[in-house]
């Protein structure tokens, strides 16, 4: 199996698996990884609509992971012994 086919399948599988994960943080990480692989695959083959869509999903996931991390830091800075459960995480 060619390497680009493996990359394409890996990205698709990670996106699907991410939808089954109950943890928001794990969902975002898996979805980010899968979307990044799918973006690379689509760019390589010139599939521009899907490259743009997956690239946008990558940016959305990066934003939410940053926000989740920031909110976790704020909750520990406020003296909480354990970070609040943020968005079900």
Protein backbone atom coordinates (compact mmCIF):
# COMPACT_ATOMS: atom_id res chain seq x y z
CA UNK A 1 0.00 0.00 0.00
CA UNK A 2 1.47 3.40 -0.98
CA UNK A 3 2.37 5.79 1.86
CA UNK A 4 -0.18 8.42 0.78
CA UNK A 5 -2.95 5.84 0.87
CA UNK A 6 -1.92 4.93 4.42
CA UNK A 7 -1.92 8.61 5.41
CA UNK A 8 -5.38 9.12 3.90
CA UNK A 9 -6.85 6.08 5.64
CA UNK A 10 -5.19 6.94 8.95
CA UNK A 11 -6.66 10.44 8.85
CA UNK A 12 -10.13 9.14 8.07
CA UNK A 13 -9.98 6.50 10.78
CA UNK A 14 -8.78 8.98 13.41
CA UNK A 15 -11.61 11.41 12.60
CA UNK A 16 -14.20 8.63 12.91
CA UNK A 17 -12.67 7.27 16.13
CA UNK A 18 -12.58 10.79 17.61
CA UNK A 19 -16.37 10.94 17.33
CA UNK A 20 -16.68 7.94 19.66
CA UNK A 21 -14.49 9.35 22.45
CA UNK A 22 -16.37 10.83 25.43
CA UNK A 23 -13.53 13.09 26.59
CA UNK A 24 -13.61 16.51 24.91
CA UNK A 25 -9.83 16.94 25.11
CA UNK A 26 -9.15 13.49 23.60
CA UNK A 27 -11.79 14.14 20.94
CA UNK A 28 -10.05 17.37 19.94
CA UNK A 29 -6.59 15.78 19.86
CA UNK A 30 -7.69 12.78 17.77
CA UNK A 31 -9.78 14.97 15.49
CA UNK A 32 -6.91 17.44 15.07
CA UNK A 33 -4.48 14.65 14.17
CA UNK A 34 -6.90 13.01 11.74
CA UNK A 35 -7.81 16.30 10.10
CA UNK A 36 -4.15 17.28 9.76
CA UNK A 37 -3.38 13.97 8.03
CA UNK A 38 -6.44 14.38 5.79
CA UNK A 39 -5.36 17.94 4.96
CA UNK A 40 -1.90 16.74 3.91
CA UNK A 41 -3.43 13.95 1.82
CA UNK A 42 -5.88 16.30 0.11
CA UNK A 43 -3.22 18.92 -0.57
CA UNK A 44 -0.90 16.32 -2.08
CA UNK A 45 -3.58 15.13 -4.51
CA UNK A 46 -4.98 18.61 -5.19
CA UNK A 47 -8.40 17.93 -3.67
CA UNK A 48 -8.87 21.58 -2.73
CA UNK A 49 -12.40 21.63 -1.25
CA UNK A 50 -11.54 18.87 1.22
CA UNK A 51 -8.12 20.33 1.94
CA UNK A 52 -9.80 23.63 2.86
CA UNK A 53 -12.46 21.91 4.98
CA UNK A 54 -9.95 19.78 6.89
CA UNK A 55 -7.61 22.74 7.26
CA UNK A 56 -10.45 24.72 8.84
CA UNK A 57 -11.19 21.81 11.19
CA UNK A 58 -7.51 21.76 12.21
CA UNK A 59 -7.69 25.47 13.10
CA UNK A 60 -10.93 24.99 15.05
CA UNK A 61 -9.41 22.12 17.04
CA UNK A 62 -6.24 24.12 17.77
CA UNK A 63 -8.39 27.00 19.07
CA UNK A 64 -10.47 24.78 21.35
CA UNK A 65 -7.44 22.92 22.69
CA UNK A 66 -5.82 26.27 23.48
CA UNK A 67 -9.00 27.44 25.19
CA UNK A 68 -9.36 24.23 27.20
CA UNK A 69 -5.75 24.54 28.36
CA UNK A 70 -6.19 28.20 29.29
CA UNK A 71 -9.36 27.49 31.28
CA UNK A 72 -7.68 24.61 33.10
CA UNK A 73 -4.77 26.89 34.07
CA UNK A 74 -7.17 29.57 35.28
CA UNK A 75 -9.07 27.13 37.47
CA UNK A 76 -5.87 25.88 39.12
CA UNK A 77 -4.62 29.46 39.56
CA UNK A 78 -7.81 30.23 41.46
CA UNK A 79 -6.77 27.72 44.10
CA UNK A 80 -8.73 24.70 43.02
CA UNK A 81 -6.91 21.50 43.92
CA UNK A 82 -7.96 19.82 40.69
CA UNK A 83 -8.95 21.53 37.45
CA UNK A 84 -12.65 21.92 36.84
CA UNK A 85 -14.24 19.54 34.45
CA UNK A 86 -14.34 21.69 31.33
CA UNK A 87 -16.92 20.85 28.68
CA UNK A 88 -17.34 17.33 30.01
CA UNK A 89 -13.64 16.52 30.10
